[in-house]
């Protein structure tokens, strides 16, 4: 289910950029950022699957830290290599929050009692 949600979010973001690029000023690196966050979510889901059951709490904290650090590295590289830095940072933060909310919702579904 989470794989379908990940694909749906990524597709929706790319479609929004495709259809509304005339009216909204998307940064040229927008698609790169969307693919980065989608790949990052995929890798972190796989990392979570490899961890033993008794490490689930620690693994969720590791995933948050890895997401934050890798995102900071990407935004740093983009800031130094791309023009229009304000637009880049605003869109990066919005995408970061969208994918972070997605990950939190997926983590909460695992905490529910059956």
Protein backbone atom coordinates (compact mmCIF):
# COMPACT_ATOMS: atom_id res chain seq x y z
CA UNK A 1 0.00 0.00 0.00
CA UNK A 2 2.79 2.42 0.84
CA UNK A 3 4.40 1.80 -2.55
CA UNK A 4 1.21 2.84 -4.30
CA UNK A 5 0.98 5.94 -2.12
CA UNK A 6 4.59 6.82 -2.93
CA UNK A 7 3.98 6.44 -6.66
CA UNK A 8 0.74 8.44 -6.38
CA UNK A 9 2.41 11.33 -4.54
CA UNK A 10 5.35 11.43 -6.96
CA UNK A 11 3.06 11.27 -9.99
CA UNK A 12 0.77 13.96 -8.58
CA UNK A 13 3.70 16.30 -7.96
CA UNK A 14 5.07 15.77 -11.46
CA UNK A 15 1.62 16.30 -13.00
CA UNK A 16 1.11 19.50 -11.02
CA UNK A 17 4.44 20.75 -12.32
CA UNK A 18 3.55 19.73 -15.88
CA UNK A 19 0.06 21.26 -15.98
CA UNK A 20 0.65 24.37 -13.85
CA UNK A 21 4.13 25.36 -14.99
CA UNK A 22 2.64 28.34 -16.85
CA UNK A 23 0.96 29.86 -13.79
CA UNK A 24 3.33 28.73 -11.02
CA UNK A 25 7.02 29.57 -11.14
CA UNK A 26 8.59 26.14 -10.63
CA UNK A 27 12.33 25.99 -10.21
CA UNK A 28 14.24 24.20 -13.01
CA UNK A 29 15.45 21.64 -10.44
CA UNK A 30 11.90 20.78 -9.28
CA UNK A 31 11.80 17.42 -11.06
CA UNK A 32 15.24 16.56 -9.71
CA UNK A 33 14.04 17.27 -6.19
CA UNK A 34 10.88 15.17 -6.65
CA UNK A 35 12.90 12.23 -7.97
CA UNK A 36 15.40 12.64 -5.13
CA UNK A 37 12.68 12.48 -2.48
CA UNK A 38 10.95 9.54 -4.17
CA UNK A 39 14.23 7.63 -4.38
CA UNK A 40 15.05 8.57 -0.82
CA UNK A 41 11.67 7.26 0.40
CA UNK A 42 12.17 4.03 -1.56
CA UNK A 43 15.63 3.45 -0.06
CA UNK A 44 14.44 4.25 3.45
CA UNK A 45 11.49 1.85 3.12
CA UNK A 46 13.90 -0.87 2.03
CA UNK A 47 16.23 -0.03 4.93
CA UNK A 48 13.29 -0.31 7.33
CA UNK A 49 12.34 -3.70 5.89
CA UNK A 50 15.84 -5.13 6.44
CA UNK A 51 15.93 -4.17 10.12
CA UNK A 52 14.99 -6.78 12.73
CA UNK A 53 11.67 -6.34 14.55
CA UNK A 54 13.31 -5.38 17.84
CA UNK A 55 15.07 -2.43 16.15
CA UNK A 56 11.94 -0.83 14.67
CA UNK A 57 11.92 2.18 17.02
CA UNK A 58 15.61 2.88 16.52
CA UNK A 59 15.24 2.39 12.77
CA UNK A 60 12.51 5.01 12.58
CA UNK A 61 14.85 7.50 14.25
CA UNK A 62 17.69 6.51 11.91
CA UNK A 63 15.41 7.05 8.91
CA UNK A 64 14.51 10.56 10.10
CA UNK A 65 18.18 11.47 10.60
CA UNK A 66 19.23 9.98 7.24
CA UNK A 67 16.40 11.85 5.50
CA UNK A 68 17.41 15.13 7.14
CA UNK A 69 21.14 14.80 6.46
CA UNK A 70 20.80 13.65 2.86
CA UNK A 71 18.28 16.42 2.19
CA UNK A 72 20.61 19.00 3.67
CA UNK A 73 23.42 17.78 1.43
CA UNK A 74 21.21 17.98 -1.66
CA UNK A 75 19.92 21.47 -0.87
CA UNK A 76 23.46 22.65 -0.22
CA UNK A 77 24.64 21.34 -3.58
CA UNK A 78 21.62 22.85 -5.34
CA UNK A 79 22.04 26.24 -3.69
CA UNK A 80 25.61 26.49 -4.92
CA UNK A 81 24.84 25.24 -8.42
CA UNK A 82 21.43 26.72 -9.28
CA UNK A 83 20.11 30.23 -9.84
CA UNK A 84 17.03 31.67 -8.05
CA UNK A 85 17.94 30.40 -4.61
CA UNK A 86 14.83 31.65 -2.77
CA UNK A 87 12.46 29.83 -5.11
CA UNK A 88 14.62 26.72 -4.84
CA UNK A 89 14.63 26.69 -1.04
CA UNK A 90 10.89 27.33 -0.73
CA UNK A 91 10.03 24.51 -3.13
CA UNK A 92 12.57 22.22 -1.50
CA UNK A 93 11.04 22.77 1.95
CA UNK A 94 7.54 22.16 0.60
CA UNK A 95 8.63 18.89 -1.03
CA UNK A 96 10.54 17.87 2.10
CA UNK A 97 7.42 18.39 4.22
CA UNK A 98 5.18 16.52 1.76
CA UNK A 99 7.40 13.44 1.81
CA UNK A 100 7.99 13.72 5.58
CA UNK A 101 4.24 13.79 6.21
CA UNK A 102 3.90 10.76 3.95
CA UNK A 103 6.54 8.91 5.96
CA UNK A 104 4.94 9.87 9.29
CA UNK A 105 1.52 8.67 8.12
CA UNK A 106 3.07 5.37 7.01
CA UNK A 107 4.81 5.01 10.39
CA UNK A 108 1.57 5.70 12.26
CA UNK A 109 -0.24 2.93 10.39
CA UNK A 110 2.34 0.48 11.75
CA UNK A 111 1.65 1.62 15.32
CA UNK A 112 -2.07 0.89 15.24
CA UNK A 113 -3.38 -2.10 17.09
CA UNK A 114 -5.09 -4.79 15.05
